[in-house]
PDB file of N, CA and C in Angstrom:
ATOM      1  N   UNK A   1      -1.827 -24.433 -13.528  1.00  0.00           N
ATOM      2  CA  UNK A   1      -1.296 -23.136 -13.171  1.00  0.00           C
ATOM      3  C   UNK A   1       0.206 -23.020 -12.672  1.00  0.00           C
ATOM      4  N   UNK A   2       0.952 -22.341 -13.058  1.00  0.00           N
ATOM      5  CA  UNK A   2       2.307 -22.044 -12.919  1.00  0.00           C
ATOM      6  C   UNK A   2       2.679 -21.531 -11.576  1.00  0.00           C
ATOM      7  N   UNK A   3       3.994 -21.699 -11.214  1.00  0.00           N
ATOM      8  CA  UNK A   3       4.560 -21.120 -10.025  1.00  0.00           C
ATOM      9  C   UNK A   3       4.327 -19.731  -9.886  1.00  0.00           C
ATOM     10  N   UNK A   4       4.348 -19.163 -10.742  1.00  0.00           N
ATOM     11  CA  UNK A   4       4.289 -17.782 -10.780  1.00  0.00           C
ATOM     12  C   UNK A   4       2.786 -17.140 -10.603  1.00  0.00           C
ATOM     13  N   UNK A   5       1.928 -17.977 -10.940  1.00  0.00           N
ATOM     14  CA  UNK A   5       0.614 -17.532 -10.600  1.00  0.00           C
ATOM     15  C   UNK A   5      -0.032 -17.555  -9.002  1.00  0.00           C
ATOM     16  N   UNK A   6       1.178 -18.433  -8.475  1.00  0.00           N
ATOM     17  CA  UNK A   6       0.867 -18.578  -6.686  1.00  0.00           C
ATOM     18  C   UNK A   6       1.695 -17.444  -5.947  1.00  0.00           C
ATOM     19  N   UNK A   7       2.521 -16.830  -6.802  1.00  0.00           N
ATOM     20  CA  UNK A   7       3.315 -16.008  -6.002  1.00  0.00           C
ATOM     21  C   UNK A   7       2.794 -14.843  -5.591  1.00  0.00           C
ATOM     22  N   UNK A   8       3.221 -13.946  -4.530  1.00  0.00           N
ATOM     23  CA  UNK A   8       2.593 -12.768  -3.959  1.00  0.00           C
ATOM     24  C   UNK A   8       2.928 -11.573  -5.050  1.00  0.00           C
ATOM     25  N   UNK A   9       1.857 -10.976  -5.707  1.00  0.00           N
ATOM     26  CA  UNK A   9       2.003 -10.153  -6.383  1.00  0.00           C
ATOM     27  C   UNK A   9       2.114 -10.211  -8.039  1.00  0.00           C
ATOM     28  N   UNK A  10       2.094 -11.674  -8.375  1.00  0.00           N
ATOM     29  CA  UNK A  10       2.081 -11.836  -9.724  1.00  0.00           C
ATOM     30  C   UNK A  10       0.870 -11.313 -10.437  1.00  0.00           C
ATOM     31  N   UNK A  11      -0.369 -11.117  -9.890  1.00  0.00           N
ATOM     32  CA  UNK A  11      -1.143 -10.429 -10.559  1.00  0.00           C
ATOM     33  C   UNK A  11      -0.937  -9.187 -11.232  1.00  0.00           C
ATOM     34  N   UNK A  12      -0.061  -8.124 -10.234  1.00  0.00           N
ATOM     35  CA  UNK A  12       0.077  -6.879 -10.788  1.00  0.00           C
ATOM     36  C   UNK A  12       1.021  -6.900 -12.018  1.00  0.00           C
ATOM     37  N   UNK A  13       1.909  -7.978 -12.515  1.00  0.00           N
ATOM     38  CA  UNK A  13       2.711  -7.782 -13.547  1.00  0.00           C
ATOM     39  C   UNK A  13       1.846  -8.343 -14.735  1.00  0.00           C
ATOM     40  N   UNK A  14       0.733  -9.006 -14.642  1.00  0.00           N
ATOM     41  CA  UNK A  14      -0.226  -9.447 -15.744  1.00  0.00           C
ATOM     42  C   UNK A  14      -1.324  -8.397 -16.045  1.00  0.00           C
ATOM     43  N   UNK A  15      -1.452  -7.738 -15.369  1.00  0.00           N
ATOM     44  CA  UNK A  15      -2.808  -6.732 -15.525  1.00  0.00           C
ATOM     45  C   UNK A  15      -2.243  -5.226 -16.321  1.00  0.00           C
ATOM     46  N   UNK A  16      -2.863  -4.708 -17.279  1.00  0.00           N
ATOM     47  CA  UNK A  16      -2.510  -3.600 -17.730  1.00  0.00           C
ATOM     48  C   UNK A  16      -2.829  -2.195 -16.963  1.00  0.00           C
ATOM     49  N   UNK A  17      -2.448  -1.313 -17.266  1.00  0.00           N
ATOM     50  CA  UNK A  17      -2.724  -0.164 -16.376  1.00  0.00           C
ATOM     51  C   UNK A  17      -4.075   0.452 -16.645  1.00  0.00           C
ATOM     52  N   UNK A  18      -4.691   0.280 -17.742  1.00  0.00           N
ATOM     53  CA  UNK A  18      -6.136   0.468 -18.152  1.00  0.00           C
ATOM     54  C   UNK A  18      -7.138  -0.325 -17.282  1.00  0.00           C
ATOM     55  N   UNK A  19      -6.747  -1.781 -17.436  1.00  0.00           N
ATOM     56  CA  UNK A  19      -7.644  -2.587 -16.829  1.00  0.00           C
ATOM     57  C   UNK A  19      -7.508  -2.317 -15.085  1.00  0.00           C
ATOM     58  N   UNK A  20      -6.277  -2.186 -14.637  1.00  0.00           N
ATOM     59  CA  UNK A  20      -6.011  -1.708 -13.134  1.00  0.00           C
ATOM     60  C   UNK A  20      -6.856  -0.440 -12.766  1.00  0.00           C
ATOM     61  N   UNK A  21      -6.892   0.499 -13.741  1.00  0.00           N
ATOM     62  CA  UNK A  21      -7.585   1.731 -13.259  1.00  0.00           C
ATOM     63  C   UNK A  21      -9.399   1.339 -13.267  1.00  0.00           C
ATOM     64  N   UNK A  22      -9.346   0.560 -14.445  1.00  0.00           N
ATOM     65  CA  UNK A  22     -10.930   0.216 -14.435  1.00  0.00           C
ATOM     66  C   UNK A  22     -11.445  -0.508 -13.224  1.00  0.00           C
ATOM     67  N   UNK A  23     -10.595  -1.446 -12.907  1.00  0.00           N
ATOM     68  CA  UNK A  23     -11.065  -2.215 -11.572  1.00  0.00           C
ATOM     69  C   UNK A  23     -10.996  -1.286 -10.239  1.00  0.00           C
ATOM     70  N   UNK A  24      -9.956  -0.531 -10.421  1.00  0.00           N
ATOM     71  CA  UNK A  24      -9.978   0.413  -9.091  1.00  0.00           C
ATOM     72  C   UNK A  24     -11.200   1.210  -8.890  1.00  0.00           C
ATOM     73  N   UNK A  25     -11.468   1.904 -10.122  1.00  0.00           N
ATOM     74  CA  UNK A  25     -12.951   2.664 -10.272  1.00  0.00           C
ATOM     75  C   UNK A  25     -14.101   1.919 -10.051  1.00  0.00           C
ATOM     76  N   UNK A  26     -14.185   0.639 -10.344  1.00  0.00           N
ATOM     77  CA  UNK A  26     -15.270  -0.001 -10.197  1.00  0.00           C
ATOM     78  C   UNK A  26     -15.670  -0.646  -8.724  1.00  0.00           C
ATOM     79  N   UNK A  27     -14.128  -0.490  -8.114  1.00  0.00           N
ATOM     80  CA  UNK A  27     -14.562  -0.993  -6.389  1.00  0.00           C
ATOM     81  C   UNK A  27     -14.918   0.290  -5.674  1.00  0.00           C
ATOM     82  N   UNK A  28     -14.804   1.258  -5.930  1.00  0.00           N
ATOM     83  CA  UNK A  28     -15.264   2.552  -5.430  1.00  0.00           C
ATOM     84  C   UNK A  28     -14.453   2.724  -3.959  1.00  0.00           C
ATOM     85  N   UNK A  29     -13.252   2.238  -4.128  1.00  0.00           N
ATOM     86  CA  UNK A  29     -12.495   2.396  -2.543  1.00  0.00           C
ATOM     87  C   UNK A  29     -11.479   3.442  -2.661  1.00  0.00           C
ATOM     88  N   UNK A  30     -11.853   4.711  -3.275  1.00  0.00           N
ATOM     89  CA  UNK A  30     -10.712   5.651  -3.201  1.00  0.00           C
ATOM     90  C   UNK A  30     -10.764   6.448  -1.761  1.00  0.00           C
ATOM     91  N   UNK A  31      -9.481   6.006  -1.266  1.00  0.00           N
ATOM     92  CA  UNK A  31      -9.215   6.670   0.141  1.00  0.00           C
ATOM     93  C   UNK A  31      -8.144   7.811   0.118  1.00  0.00           C
ATOM     94  N   UNK A  32      -7.818   8.263  -1.079  1.00  0.00           N
ATOM     95  CA  UNK A  32      -7.165   9.460  -1.007  1.00  0.00           C
ATOM     96  C   UNK A  32      -5.631   9.152  -0.459  1.00  0.00           C
ATOM     97  N   UNK A  33      -5.366  10.301   0.233  1.00  0.00           N
ATOM     98  CA  UNK A  33      -3.821  10.172   0.792  1.00  0.00           C
ATOM     99  C   UNK A  33      -3.672   9.926   2.078  1.00  0.00           C
ATOM    100  N   UNK A  34      -4.658   9.842   2.619  1.00  0.00           N
ATOM    101  CA  UNK A  34      -4.383   9.809   4.354  1.00  0.00           C
ATOM    102  C   UNK A  34      -3.901   8.674   4.769  1.00  0.00           C
ATOM    103  N   UNK A  35      -4.046   7.654   3.961  1.00  0.00           N
ATOM    104  CA  UNK A  35      -3.232   6.311   4.835  1.00  0.00           C
ATOM    105  C   UNK A  35      -1.908   6.601   4.677  1.00  0.00           C
ATOM    106  N   UNK A  36      -1.331   7.301   3.559  1.00  0.00           N
ATOM    107  CA  UNK A  36       0.262   7.461   3.832  1.00  0.00           C
ATOM    108  C   UNK A  36       0.603   8.763   4.438  1.00  0.00           C
ATOM    109  N   UNK A  37      -0.358   9.550   4.862  1.00  0.00           N
ATOM    110  CA  UNK A  37      -0.015  10.848   5.690  1.00  0.00           C
ATOM    111  C   UNK A  37      -0.258  10.198   7.117  1.00  0.00           C
ATOM    112  N   UNK A  38      -1.056   9.367   7.331  1.00  0.00           N
ATOM    113  CA  UNK A  38      -1.193   8.897   8.734  1.00  0.00           C
ATOM    114  C   UNK A  38       0.159   7.903   9.075  1.00  0.00           C
ATOM    115  N   UNK A  39       0.558   6.891   8.351  1.00  0.00           N
ATOM    116  CA  UNK A  39       1.593   6.111   8.299  1.00  0.00           C
ATOM    117  C   UNK A  39       2.833   7.200   8.586  1.00  0.00           C
ATOM    118  N   UNK A  40       3.029   8.266   7.734  1.00  0.00           N
ATOM    119  CA  UNK A  40       3.960   9.112   8.161  1.00  0.00           C
ATOM    120  C   UNK A  40       4.059   9.431   9.439  1.00  0.00           C
ATOM    121  N   UNK A  41       2.905  10.202   9.999  1.00  0.00           N
ATOM    122  CA  UNK A  41       2.790  10.803  11.213  1.00  0.00           C
ATOM    123  C   UNK A  41       3.211   9.661  12.144  1.00  0.00           C
ATOM    124  N   UNK A  42       2.541   8.492  12.172  1.00  0.00           N
ATOM    125  CA  UNK A  42       2.726   7.443  13.106  1.00  0.00           C
ATOM    126  C   UNK A  42       4.289   6.894  13.414  1.00  0.00           C
ATOM    127  N   UNK A  43       4.901   6.984  12.074  1.00  0.00           N
ATOM    128  CA  UNK A  43       6.464   6.442  12.019  1.00  0.00           C
ATOM    129  C   UNK A  43       6.997   7.712  12.835  1.00  0.00           C
ATOM    130  N   UNK A  44       6.634   8.931  12.542  1.00  0.00           N
ATOM    131  CA  UNK A  44       7.342  10.156  13.167  1.00  0.00           C
ATOM    132  C   UNK A  44       7.359   9.971  14.779  1.00  0.00           C
ATOM    133  N   UNK A  45       6.074   9.794  15.125  1.00  0.00           N
ATOM    134  CA  UNK A  45       5.720   9.610  16.605  1.00  0.00           C
ATOM    135  C   UNK A  45       6.480   8.360  17.223  1.00  0.00           C
ATOM    136  N   UNK A  46       6.604   7.190  16.515  1.00  0.00           N
ATOM    137  CA  UNK A  46       7.253   6.006  17.193  1.00  0.00           C
ATOM    138  C   UNK A  46       8.742   6.478  17.238  1.00  0.00           C
ATOM    139  N   UNK A  47       9.224   6.906  16.223  1.00  0.00           N
ATOM    140  CA  UNK A  47      10.669   7.323  16.224  1.00  0.00           C
ATOM    141  C   UNK A  47      10.937   8.370  17.407  1.00  0.00           C
ATOM    142  N   UNK A  48      10.055   9.292  17.831  1.00  0.00           N
ATOM    143  CA  UNK A  48      10.129  10.296  18.853  1.00  0.00           C
ATOM    144  C   UNK A  48      10.060   9.610  19.919  1.00  0.00           C
ATOM    145  N   UNK A  49       9.446   8.746  20.338  1.00  0.00           N
ATOM    146  CA  UNK A  49       8.854   8.067  21.394  1.00  0.00           C
ATOM    147  C   UNK A  49      10.435   7.009  21.721  1.00  0.00           C
ATOM    148  N   UNK A  50      10.911   6.342  20.517  1.00  0.00           N
ATOM    149  CA  UNK A  50      12.190   5.700  20.578  1.00  0.00           C
ATOM    150  C   UNK A  50      13.273   6.581  21.335  1.00  0.00           C
ATOM    151  N   UNK A  51      13.616   7.564  20.489  1.00  0.00           N
ATOM    152  CA  UNK A  51      14.571   8.582  20.855  1.00  0.00           C
ATOM    153  C   UNK A  51      14.371   9.295  22.341  1.00  0.00           C
ATOM    154  N   UNK A  52      13.261   9.385  22.549  1.00  0.00           N
ATOM    155  CA  UNK A  52      12.764  10.097  23.848  1.00  0.00           C
ATOM    156  C   UNK A  52      13.128   9.235  25.019  1.00  0.00           C
ATOM    157  N   UNK A  53      12.787   7.903  24.785  1.00  0.00           N
ATOM    158  CA  UNK A  53      12.981   7.085  25.909  1.00  0.00           C
ATOM    159  C   UNK A  53      14.354   6.353  26.284  1.00  0.00           C
ATOM    160  N   UNK A  54      15.094   6.461  24.940  1.00  0.00           N
ATOM    161  CA  UNK A  54      16.307   5.750  25.322  1.00  0.00           C
ATOM    162  C   UNK A  54      17.616   6.814  25.349  1.00  0.00           C
ATOM    163  N   UNK A  55      17.074   8.003  24.650  1.00  0.00           N
ATOM    164  CA  UNK A  55      18.342   9.188  24.906  1.00  0.00           C
ATOM    165  C   UNK A  55      19.038   9.361  23.611  1.00  0.00           C
TER     166      UNK A  55
END
């Protein structure tokens, strides 16, 4: 096992796009875009709170 095998994200470099798509379809964890939308809304709320309380 090389050092690259232990690094975070090393697997994404070694897998082809077709293999990744096949694996994702087999997992059946299609969550759509709501996590990104929720993250954006949460970021806007946090920024609004920061500027609201600090001026």
